Amino acid sequence: MQSHSKNHNNSNQIRAWQHADAQHHLHPFTAHPELRERGVRVITHADGVYIYDSEGNRLLDGMAGLWCVQVGYGNSALVAAGAEALATLPYYNTFFQTTHPYVAELSECIAALTPPGLKEMVFANSGSEANDTGVKLIRYYWNLKQRPEKKIIITRELAYHGVTLASASMAGLESMHPQFDLPLPGFAHVSPAPYWFGRGAGLSPEAFSDRCVQALEDKILELGPDRVAAFCGEPVMGAGGMITPPPDYWPRIEAICRKYDVLLWSDEVICGFGRTGEWFGCQSYGFTPDVMSIAKGMSSGYQPISATLLGGDIAKTIAESDQEMAHGFTYSGHPVASAVALENIRQMQQLELVGSNSAKQRAAHLQKRLASLNDHPLVGETRGIGFLGALELVQNKTNRAPYPKDRKAGLICRNHCLDTGVIVRAVGDTMVMSPPLIITEQEIDELIDKTRDALDRTAASLKLET
């Protein structure tokens, strides 16, 4: 890896950080004994599309943190907005029938970007909280409509919606359930996910889309339309493997929901704020939801903030109810987070990161360079949209046969990516990338060239294990 000249950390300090972390810090989605034995990587600073660790290594962040750093690292305008808010109004709540300029202006700004009708919103601090809030508001809505039996929320296999009890129950990743006695009652999952490469063997993409849409209708009829409250899905399924749906999938899903009076909920935590090429993924795929959850790119990850948006009858019913809406968080619409999120959107507009010719050109370049990896012996498929990309590692390109799970091909490839100087995430044996929206064509070339190098190294490693 490349060394960074600004590194001033000595080995004793690095070991002290690693020791403190190992003594006290339980990491997300981690088995801790091996990590604590090895020692964590300590990230010390970042700039643009690069992060730097305490050893002086520079890494091109092909995941934008966790799908979120749209404007890149070190944007001085966001820093200034946060500092100004800290100096002016470091905290006040939105309880007690109060507001403040930052959250009021942010609400208006978001409403101007969303699909028609999505104008009411509840603020929270993370995507998980936004989705948890969505569950509560949907239940509240059907209670107000005198339909208390209409409570089941349907999601899909391989879906990821967060880690609270409710949002983890929504997840279609079964590994998230046993440790916590989930899912809770009131949640159902439908399969297959619109994952043609992994689930559509023997079917054309069109026939597979038919199967996926029919599966939702069958599930609604199985459960009973009078009991189904909502269907929730990510426009592009992120943590499940960066799964892009067939082109006609979402409009047909919307038609099914309308047919059976089921609310349509778009989880835009990953896809929102330019990631798919439009401001929101539902705009890229041509559907209008009743409920939408947003987070991540909302502040480019500079501050924790999220929101749940409501449109149509659910927005009208809740906003016009005389009943107290007994929901909210201490930090809902936090002044500093709101100020940073507002400036982040302004920066995205000033830098023309969404919808401009420049953004479209760079997204097209990413997709073209990603597709160039299709000729690699390990790659069974590449796919993507906007600034999202994925490639499937396979043992046999002809029949799409994967490597046995115990070969850990994805994990090996991820480690080789780190060794070449890029961060690309492994979801099983699917390699996923989601770089900052400011990434240049030259940096895209670096990302793909180093990924190809890592693929070559992975192929060599897997042969050595045979």
Protein backbone atom coordinates (compact mmCIF):
# COMPACT_ATOMS: atom_id res chain seq x y z
CA MET A 1 0.00 0.00 0.00
CA GLN A 2 0.99 3.63 -0.42
CA SER A 3 2.43 5.53 2.52
CA HIS A 4 0.99 8.89 3.53
CA SER A 5 3.47 11.63 4.44
CA LYS A 6 1.22 13.14 7.13
CA ASN A 7 1.52 10.05 9.33
CA HIS A 8 3.05 11.07 12.67
CA ASN A 9 1.75 8.22 14.84
CA ASN A 10 4.35 6.05 16.50
CA SER A 11 3.98 2.32 17.03
CA ASN A 12 3.38 2.71 20.77
CA GLN A 13 0.42 5.02 20.15
CA ILE A 14 -1.05 2.65 17.56
CA ARG A 15 -0.78 -0.29 19.96
CA ALA A 16 -2.39 1.81 22.70
CA TRP A 17 -5.37 2.55 20.48
CA GLN A 18 -5.68 -1.10 19.49
CA HIS A 19 -5.43 -2.21 23.12
CA ALA A 20 -8.09 0.28 24.27
CA ASP A 21 -10.38 -0.86 21.47
CA ALA A 22 -9.84 -4.54 22.27
CA GLN A 23 -10.56 -3.96 25.95
CA HIS A 24 -13.82 -2.09 25.56
CA HIS A 25 -15.27 -1.88 22.04
CA LEU A 26 -17.74 -4.44 20.69
CA HIS A 27 -17.77 -3.93 16.91
CA PRO A 28 -20.81 -4.26 14.62
CA PHE A 29 -21.23 -7.61 12.86
CA THR A 30 -17.97 -8.99 14.27
CA ALA A 31 -16.73 -12.15 15.95
CA HIS A 32 -14.43 -10.52 18.47
CA PRO A 33 -11.73 -13.00 19.58
CA GLU A 34 -9.90 -13.13 16.25
CA LEU A 35 -10.16 -9.36 15.70
CA ARG A 36 -8.81 -8.61 19.17
CA GLU A 37 -5.94 -11.02 18.66
CA ARG A 38 -5.02 -9.44 15.32
CA GLY A 39 -5.67 -5.81 16.24
CA VAL A 40 -8.03 -3.42 14.48
CA ARG A 41 -7.06 -1.12 11.63
CA VAL A 42 -7.03 2.44 13.00
CA ILE A 43 -8.33 5.04 10.53
CA THR A 44 -6.84 8.43 11.40
CA HIS A 45 -7.94 10.87 8.69
CA ALA A 46 -9.48 11.18 5.24
CA ASP A 47 -9.58 13.49 2.24
CA GLY A 48 -11.61 13.39 -0.96
CA VAL A 49 -12.13 9.71 -1.86
CA TYR A 50 -9.21 8.47 0.25
CA ILE A 51 -8.88 7.34 3.85
CA TYR A 52 -5.60 6.91 5.74
CA ASP A 53 -4.72 4.57 8.57
CA SER A 54 -2.28 4.81 11.46
CA GLU A 55 0.30 2.77 9.53
CA GLY A 56 0.42 5.40 6.81
CA ASN A 57 -1.56 3.44 4.22
CA ARG A 58 -3.77 5.29 1.75
CA LEU A 59 -6.95 3.51 0.62
CA LEU A 60 -9.38 4.59 -2.09
CA ASP A 61 -12.73 4.24 -0.34
CA GLY A 62 -14.80 2.35 -2.88
CA MET A 63 -17.65 2.06 -0.35
CA ALA A 64 -18.02 5.76 0.61
CA GLY A 65 -17.80 4.72 4.25
CA LEU A 66 -21.01 2.69 4.46
CA TRP A 67 -22.66 3.84 1.22
CA CYS A 68 -22.93 7.38 2.57
CA VAL A 69 -20.07 9.87 1.96
CA GLN A 70 -21.56 11.42 -1.20
CA VAL A 71 -19.49 14.63 -1.18
CA GLY A 72 -16.28 12.89 -0.16
CA TYR A 73 -14.19 13.50 2.92
CA GLY A 74 -13.00 16.90 4.12
CA ASN A 75 -15.70 19.13 2.65
CA SER A 76 -15.01 22.44 4.41
CA ALA A 77 -18.53 23.82 3.86
CA LEU A 78 -20.06 20.97 5.87
CA VAL A 79 -17.48 21.47 8.60
CA ALA A 80 -18.29 25.18 8.75
CA ALA A 81 -22.05 24.53 8.84
CA GLY A 82 -21.61 22.16 11.78
CA ALA A 83 -19.32 24.56 13.62
CA GLU A 84 -21.74 27.47 13.13
CA ALA A 85 -24.64 25.41 14.46
CA LEU A 86 -22.58 24.23 17.44
CA ALA A 87 -21.75 27.82 18.30
CA THR A 88 -25.31 29.08 17.78
CA LEU A 89 -27.64 26.29 18.94
CA PRO A 90 -25.70 23.18 19.93
CA TYR A 91 -28.88 21.43 21.01
CA TYR A 92 -32.57 21.84 21.44
CA ASN A 93 -35.35 19.34 20.99
CA THR A 94 -38.38 19.38 18.72
CA PHE A 95 -40.70 18.33 21.54
CA PHE A 96 -42.61 21.03 23.47
CA GLN A 97 -44.11 22.35 20.21
CA THR A 98 -40.83 23.99 19.19
CA THR A 99 -38.67 24.00 16.08
CA HIS A 100 -35.47 25.73 14.98
CA PRO A 101 -34.29 27.25 11.68
CA TYR A 102 -32.06 24.33 10.69
CA VAL A 103 -34.70 21.60 10.81
CA ALA A 104 -37.39 23.84 9.30
CA GLU A 105 -35.19 24.68 6.32
CA LEU A 106 -34.03 21.08 5.97
CA SER A 107 -37.64 19.84 5.89
CA GLU A 108 -38.48 22.29 3.13
CA CYS A 109 -35.33 21.37 1.19
CA ILE A 110 -36.02 17.62 1.33
CA ALA A 111 -39.68 18.06 0.35
CA ALA A 112 -38.58 19.91 -2.78
CA LEU A 113 -36.50 16.91 -3.90
CA THR A 114 -38.86 14.02 -3.18
CA PRO A 115 -41.47 12.50 -5.50
CA PRO A 116 -44.84 14.31 -5.53
CA GLY A 117 -46.79 14.15 -2.30
CA LEU A 118 -44.02 13.01 0.05
CA LYS A 119 -44.08 16.15 2.18
CA GLU A 120 -44.51 15.02 5.80
CA MET A 121 -41.49 13.70 7.70
CA VAL A 122 -40.34 12.46 11.10
CA PHE A 123 -36.62 12.84 11.89
CA ALA A 124 -34.39 10.29 13.59
CA ASN A 125 -30.71 9.42 13.78
CA SER A 126 -30.07 6.36 11.61
CA GLY A 127 -31.56 4.25 8.86
CA SER A 128 -32.52 1.62 11.42
CA GLU A 129 -34.47 4.20 13.43
CA ALA A 130 -36.10 5.56 10.27
CA ASN A 131 -37.33 2.09 9.37
CA ASP A 132 -38.43 1.36 12.93
CA THR A 133 -40.36 4.63 12.79
CA GLY A 134 -41.92 3.55 9.51
CA VAL A 135 -43.29 0.40 11.13
CA LYS A 136 -44.87 2.43 13.93
CA LEU A 137 -46.36 5.06 11.64
CA ILE A 138 -47.86 2.42 9.35
CA ARG A 139 -49.47 0.68 12.32
CA TYR A 140 -50.69 4.03 13.61
CA TYR A 141 -52.19 4.88 10.21
CA TRP A 142 -54.20 1.69 9.93
CA ASN A 143 -55.43 2.14 13.50
CA LEU A 144 -56.61 5.66 12.62
CA LYS A 145 -58.37 4.18 9.59
CA GLN A 146 -60.21 1.75 11.89
CA ARG A 147 -58.38 -1.18 10.25
CA PRO A 148 -56.47 -2.63 13.23
CA GLU A 149 -56.22 -6.06 11.61
CA LYS A 150 -54.11 -4.63 8.77
CA LYS A 151 -50.66 -4.88 10.34
CA ILE A 152 -48.39 -7.36 8.50
CA ILE A 153 -45.41 -5.85 6.73
CA ILE A 154 -43.95 -7.86 3.84
CA THR A 155 -40.30 -7.61 2.85
CA ARG A 156 -38.05 -9.81 0.69
CA GLU A 157 -35.42 -12.46 1.18
CA LEU A 158 -31.91 -10.92 1.23
CA ALA A 159 -33.37 -7.56 2.33
CA TYR A 160 -31.54 -5.41 4.87
CA HIS A 161 -33.49 -2.73 6.73
CA GLY A 162 -31.55 -2.17 9.97
CA VAL A 163 -30.82 -3.61 13.39
CA THR A 164 -33.56 -2.51 15.80
CA LEU A 165 -35.99 -5.25 16.83
CA ALA A 166 -38.50 -4.12 14.21
CA SER A 167 -36.12 -3.26 11.38
CA ALA A 168 -34.11 -6.46 11.91
CA SER A 169 -37.40 -8.39 11.80
CA MET A 170 -37.93 -6.81 8.39
CA ALA A 171 -34.56 -8.13 7.21
CA GLY A 172 -34.57 -11.07 4.86
CA LEU A 173 -31.05 -12.04 5.87
CA GLU A 174 -31.80 -14.99 8.11
CA SER A 175 -28.42 -14.87 9.85
CA MET A 176 -29.61 -11.71 11.64
CA HIS A 177 -32.49 -13.47 13.40
CA PRO A 178 -31.50 -16.44 15.62
CA GLN A 179 -29.28 -14.56 18.10
CA PHE A 180 -32.12 -12.22 19.04
CA ASP A 181 -35.19 -14.49 18.74
CA LEU A 182 -36.41 -12.70 15.63
CA PRO A 183 -38.43 -11.97 13.60
CA LEU A 184 -41.14 -10.49 15.78
CA PRO A 185 -44.76 -11.29 14.90
CA GLY A 186 -46.26 -9.15 12.15
CA PHE A 187 -43.49 -9.53 9.58
CA ALA A 188 -43.45 -11.78 6.52
CA HIS A 189 -40.85 -12.38 3.82
CA VAL A 190 -41.34 -13.18 0.17
CA SER A 191 -39.00 -14.99 -2.18
CA PRO A 192 -37.36 -14.92 -4.59
CA ALA A 193 -35.66 -11.56 -4.38
CA PRO A 194 -35.26 -9.93 -7.83
CA TYR A 195 -31.76 -11.43 -8.04
CA TRP A 196 -31.61 -12.89 -11.53
CA PHE A 197 -27.98 -14.07 -11.34
CA GLY A 198 -28.45 -15.91 -8.07
CA ARG A 199 -32.12 -16.97 -8.23
CA GLY A 200 -33.13 -16.95 -11.90
CA ALA A 201 -31.38 -20.03 -13.29
CA GLY A 202 -33.06 -21.23 -16.48
CA LEU A 203 -35.27 -18.14 -16.79
CA SER A 204 -34.94 -15.09 -18.96
CA PRO A 205 -34.76 -11.80 -17.04
CA GLU A 206 -38.33 -11.07 -18.22
CA ALA A 207 -39.67 -14.44 -17.05
CA PHE A 208 -37.84 -14.09 -13.76
CA SER A 209 -39.39 -10.64 -13.22
CA ASP A 210 -42.81 -12.22 -13.77
CA ARG A 211 -42.00 -14.80 -11.12
CA CYS A 212 -40.89 -12.18 -8.57
CA VAL A 213 -43.96 -9.99 -9.06
CA GLN A 214 -46.28 -12.97 -8.89
CA ALA A 215 -44.61 -14.10 -5.67
CA LEU A 216 -45.62 -10.85 -3.97
CA GLU A 217 -49.21 -11.13 -5.13
CA ASP A 218 -49.32 -14.76 -4.00
CA LYS A 219 -47.96 -13.79 -0.57
CA ILE A 220 -50.55 -11.02 -0.15
CA LEU A 221 -53.33 -13.44 -1.06
CA GLU A 222 -51.90 -16.12 1.23
CA LEU A 223 -51.82 -13.75 4.23
CA GLY A 224 -55.05 -12.00 3.28
CA PRO A 225 -55.15 -8.46 1.80
CA ASP A 226 -57.14 -7.29 4.83
CA ARG A 227 -54.18 -8.20 7.05
CA VAL A 228 -51.31 -6.82 4.96
CA ALA A 229 -50.33 -3.26 5.88
CA ALA A 230 -47.36 -2.55 3.61
CA PHE A 231 -44.70 -3.92 1.31
CA CYS A 232 -41.19 -2.53 1.88
CA GLY A 233 -38.20 -2.85 -0.40
CA GLU A 234 -34.91 -1.20 -1.26
CA PRO A 235 -34.94 0.07 -4.88
CA VAL A 236 -31.53 -1.62 -5.19
CA MET A 237 -30.87 -4.24 -2.51
CA GLY A 238 -27.60 -3.13 -0.91
CA ALA A 239 -26.29 -5.30 1.91
CA GLY A 240 -27.96 -8.35 0.36
CA GLY A 241 -25.54 -8.15 -2.58
CA MET A 242 -26.17 -4.94 -4.55
CA ILE A 243 -29.09 -6.52 -6.43
CA THR A 244 -30.47 -4.42 -9.27
CA PRO A 245 -34.05 -5.37 -10.24
CA PRO A 246 -35.34 -5.99 -13.76
CA PRO A 247 -36.42 -2.72 -15.46
CA ASP A 248 -40.17 -3.39 -15.20
CA TYR A 249 -40.09 -4.80 -11.67
CA TRP A 250 -40.93 -1.77 -9.55
CA PRO A 251 -43.86 -0.33 -11.57
CA ARG A 252 -45.44 -3.79 -11.52
CA ILE A 253 -44.85 -4.11 -7.76
CA GLU A 254 -46.53 -0.73 -7.29
CA ALA A 255 -49.54 -1.93 -9.30
CA ILE A 256 -49.89 -5.00 -7.06
CA CYS A 257 -49.79 -2.83 -3.93
CA ARG A 258 -52.44 -0.47 -5.29
CA LYS A 259 -54.63 -3.42 -6.32
CA TYR A 260 -54.78 -4.77 -2.77
CA ASP A 261 -54.70 -1.47 -0.80
CA VAL A 262 -51.21 -2.20 0.54
CA LEU A 263 -48.91 0.72 1.33
CA LEU A 264 -45.74 0.86 -0.78
CA TRP A 265 -42.61 1.69 1.21
CA SER A 266 -39.29 2.54 -0.43
CA ASP A 267 -36.26 2.07 1.83
CA GLU A 268 -33.92 4.70 0.38
CA VAL A 269 -31.31 4.57 3.14
CA ILE A 270 -28.68 3.43 0.62
CA CYS A 271 -30.25 4.50 -2.68
CA GLY A 272 -31.20 8.05 -1.70
CA PHE A 273 -29.32 11.26 -2.42
CA GLY A 274 -27.90 10.55 -5.84
CA ARG A 275 -26.62 7.03 -5.45
CA THR A 276 -28.66 5.61 -8.37
CA GLY A 277 -28.29 8.70 -10.58
CA GLU A 278 -31.48 10.44 -9.44
CA TRP A 279 -32.09 12.00 -6.04
CA PHE A 280 -33.94 8.85 -4.98
CA GLY A 281 -33.97 5.28 -6.22
CA CYS A 282 -37.74 5.25 -6.70
CA GLN A 283 -37.28 8.02 -9.29
CA SER A 284 -34.69 5.91 -11.13
CA TYR A 285 -37.06 2.93 -11.25
CA GLY A 286 -40.31 4.77 -11.91
CA PHE A 287 -42.53 4.31 -8.86
CA THR A 288 -44.00 6.58 -6.20
CA PRO A 289 -44.08 5.22 -2.64
CA ASP A 290 -46.41 6.09 0.22
CA VAL A 291 -43.58 5.84 2.74
CA MET A 292 -39.88 6.52 2.23
CA SER A 293 -36.98 6.17 4.67
CA ILE A 294 -33.77 8.19 4.14
CA ALA A 295 -30.42 8.46 5.94
CA LYS A 296 -26.73 7.90 5.00
CA GLY A 297 -26.22 10.26 2.03
CA MET A 298 -28.57 12.78 3.65
CA SER A 299 -25.57 14.23 5.52
CA SER A 300 -22.82 12.37 3.63
CA GLY A 301 -22.25 10.62 6.96
CA TYR A 302 -20.84 13.79 8.53
CA GLN A 303 -23.59 13.71 11.17
CA PRO A 304 -26.06 10.98 12.22
CA ILE A 305 -29.49 11.92 10.86
CA SER A 306 -32.39 10.19 9.10
CA ALA A 307 -36.05 10.69 8.33
CA THR A 308 -39.21 8.80 7.50
CA LEU A 309 -41.32 10.52 4.84
CA LEU A 310 -45.04 10.07 4.30
CA GLY A 311 -47.18 10.83 1.28
CA GLY A 312 -50.72 10.32 0.05
CA ASP A 313 -53.42 9.22 2.45
CA ILE A 314 -51.06 8.11 5.22
CA ALA A 315 -49.55 11.61 5.34
CA LYS A 316 -52.96 13.29 5.30
CA THR A 317 -54.51 10.96 7.89
CA ILE A 318 -51.70 11.32 10.44
CA ALA A 319 -51.17 15.06 9.91
CA GLU A 320 -54.89 15.80 10.30
CA SER A 321 -55.53 13.51 13.28
CA ASP A 322 -56.42 15.20 16.58
CA GLN A 323 -54.80 12.28 18.39
CA GLU A 324 -51.34 12.86 19.82
CA MET A 325 -48.65 11.08 17.81
CA ALA A 326 -46.71 9.48 20.66
CA HIS A 327 -43.38 9.09 18.91
CA GLY A 328 -40.07 10.96 18.63
CA PHE A 329 -36.43 10.88 19.73
CA THR A 330 -34.32 13.14 21.94
CA TYR A 331 -32.24 14.00 18.90
CA SER A 332 -35.01 14.15 16.27
CA GLY A 333 -34.04 17.01 13.96
CA HIS A 334 -30.91 17.83 15.99
CA PRO A 335 -29.74 21.37 15.11
CA VAL A 336 -26.16 20.43 14.24
CA ALA A 337 -27.13 17.35 12.26
CA SER A 338 -29.85 19.32 10.45
CA ALA A 339 -27.45 22.13 9.61
CA VAL A 340 -24.90 19.70 8.19
CA ALA A 341 -27.51 17.76 6.22
CA LEU A 342 -28.88 21.00 4.77
CA GLU A 343 -25.42 22.13 3.70
CA ASN A 344 -24.69 18.67 2.32
CA ILE A 345 -27.68 18.91 -0.03
CA ARG A 346 -26.64 22.42 -1.04
CA GLN A 347 -23.13 21.19 -1.76
CA MET A 348 -24.47 18.31 -3.84
CA GLN A 349 -26.48 20.81 -5.86
CA GLN A 350 -23.58 23.27 -6.24
CA LEU A 351 -21.18 20.49 -7.25
CA GLU A 352 -23.84 19.11 -9.64
CA LEU A 353 -23.52 15.59 -8.24
CA VAL A 354 -27.05 14.52 -9.24
CA GLY A 355 -28.53 14.61 -12.74
CA SER A 356 -25.92 16.82 -14.40
CA ASN A 357 -24.04 15.85 -17.55
CA SER A 358 -20.86 15.56 -15.49
CA ALA A 359 -22.45 13.21 -12.97
CA LYS A 360 -24.02 11.10 -15.73
CA GLN A 361 -20.69 10.90 -17.56
CA ARG A 362 -18.80 9.75 -14.47
CA ALA A 363 -21.50 7.22 -13.57
CA ALA A 364 -21.40 5.87 -17.13
CA HIS A 365 -17.62 5.63 -16.91
CA LEU A 366 -17.88 3.65 -13.67
CA GLN A 367 -20.40 1.25 -15.22
CA LYS A 368 -18.28 0.85 -18.38
CA ARG A 369 -15.09 0.16 -16.45
CA LEU A 370 -16.95 -2.20 -14.09
CA ALA A 371 -18.31 -4.13 -17.09
CA SER A 372 -14.74 -4.48 -18.39
CA LEU A 373 -14.12 -6.92 -15.52
CA ASN A 374 -16.52 -9.42 -17.13
CA ASP A 375 -13.60 -10.93 -19.01
CA HIS A 376 -11.87 -12.00 -15.80
CA PRO A 377 -11.94 -15.78 -15.16
CA LEU A 378 -13.40 -15.29 -11.66
CA VAL A 379 -16.22 -12.93 -12.67
CA GLY A 380 -19.61 -14.43 -13.50
CA GLU A 381 -21.48 -11.13 -13.80
CA THR A 382 -21.07 -7.42 -13.26
CA ARG A 383 -24.05 -5.16 -12.63
CA GLY A 384 -24.80 -1.68 -11.40
CA ILE A 385 -26.61 1.61 -11.71
CA GLY A 386 -25.38 5.13 -11.09
CA PHE A 387 -22.60 4.99 -8.53
CA LEU A 388 -23.39 1.43 -7.40
CA GLY A 389 -21.57 -1.63 -8.71
CA ALA A 390 -21.14 -5.32 -8.00
CA LEU A 391 -19.36 -8.33 -9.43
CA GLU A 392 -20.04 -11.99 -8.75
CA LEU A 393 -17.14 -14.34 -8.05
CA VAL A 394 -17.68 -17.80 -9.54
CA GLN A 395 -15.77 -21.03 -9.84
CA ASN A 396 -17.27 -21.75 -13.27
CA LYS A 397 -18.30 -18.91 -15.59
CA THR A 398 -20.30 -21.16 -17.90
CA ASN A 399 -22.79 -22.52 -15.38
CA ARG A 400 -22.40 -19.74 -12.72
CA ALA A 401 -21.26 -22.33 -10.18
CA PRO A 402 -20.03 -20.56 -7.04
CA TYR A 403 -17.07 -21.51 -4.92
CA PRO A 404 -17.93 -23.63 -1.88
CA LYS A 405 -18.60 -21.37 1.09
CA ASP A 406 -15.63 -22.73 3.01
CA ARG A 407 -13.29 -21.40 0.29
CA LYS A 408 -14.28 -17.83 1.34
CA ALA A 409 -13.54 -16.42 -2.10
CA GLY A 410 -15.16 -13.08 -1.31
CA LEU A 411 -13.21 -12.63 1.92
CA ILE A 412 -9.96 -13.48 0.13
CA CYS A 413 -10.75 -10.96 -2.60
CA ARG A 414 -11.66 -8.27 -0.07
CA ASN A 415 -8.31 -8.70 1.66
CA HIS A 416 -6.46 -8.50 -1.63
CA CYS A 417 -8.37 -5.32 -2.45
CA LEU A 418 -7.08 -3.82 0.81
CA ASP A 419 -3.56 -4.92 -0.10
CA THR A 420 -3.81 -3.15 -3.47
CA GLY A 421 -5.14 0.03 -1.84
CA VAL A 422 -8.92 -0.02 -2.36
CA ILE A 423 -11.91 -0.74 -0.13
CA VAL A 424 -14.43 -3.03 -1.84
CA ARG A 425 -16.95 -4.87 0.31
CA ALA A 426 -17.57 -8.61 0.17
CA VAL A 427 -21.18 -9.78 0.58
CA GLY A 428 -20.59 -13.50 0.49
CA ASP A 429 -18.85 -13.90 -2.87
CA THR A 430 -20.35 -10.73 -4.32
CA MET A 431 -17.92 -7.81 -4.41
CA VAL A 432 -19.74 -4.51 -3.92
CA MET A 433 -18.64 -0.93 -4.55
CA SER A 434 -20.30 2.42 -3.90
CA PRO A 435 -17.73 5.24 -4.18
CA PRO A 436 -18.24 8.89 -3.21
CA LEU A 437 -20.21 10.79 -5.85
CA ILE A 438 -17.31 13.21 -6.30
CA ILE A 439 -15.05 10.45 -7.65
CA THR A 440 -13.25 11.48 -10.84
CA GLU A 441 -12.80 9.35 -13.97
CA GLN A 442 -9.11 8.96 -13.10
CA GLU A 443 -10.04 7.74 -9.61
CA ILE A 444 -12.62 5.38 -11.12
CA ASP A 445 -9.83 3.94 -13.28
CA GLU A 446 -7.72 3.47 -10.16
CA LEU A 447 -10.60 1.74 -8.38
CA ILE A 448 -11.23 -0.71 -11.23
CA ASP A 449 -7.57 -1.31 -12.10
CA LYS A 450 -6.75 -2.16 -8.48
CA THR A 451 -9.84 -4.35 -8.24
CA ARG A 452 -8.61 -6.27 -11.30
CA ASP A 453 -5.22 -6.67 -9.62
CA ALA A 454 -7.00 -8.01 -6.52
CA LEU A 455 -8.98 -10.44 -8.69
CA ASP A 456 -5.73 -11.75 -10.18
CA ARG A 457 -4.30 -12.21 -6.70
CA THR A 458 -7.52 -13.91 -5.57
CA ALA A 459 -7.37 -16.35 -8.48
CA ALA A 460 -3.78 -17.20 -7.56
CA SER A 461 -4.72 -17.66 -3.88
CA LEU A 462 -7.63 -19.96 -4.70
CA LYS A 463 -5.41 -22.09 -6.96
CA LEU A 464 -2.84 -22.41 -4.19
CA GLU A 465 -5.59 -23.74 -1.87
CA THR A 466 -6.71 -26.42 -4.35
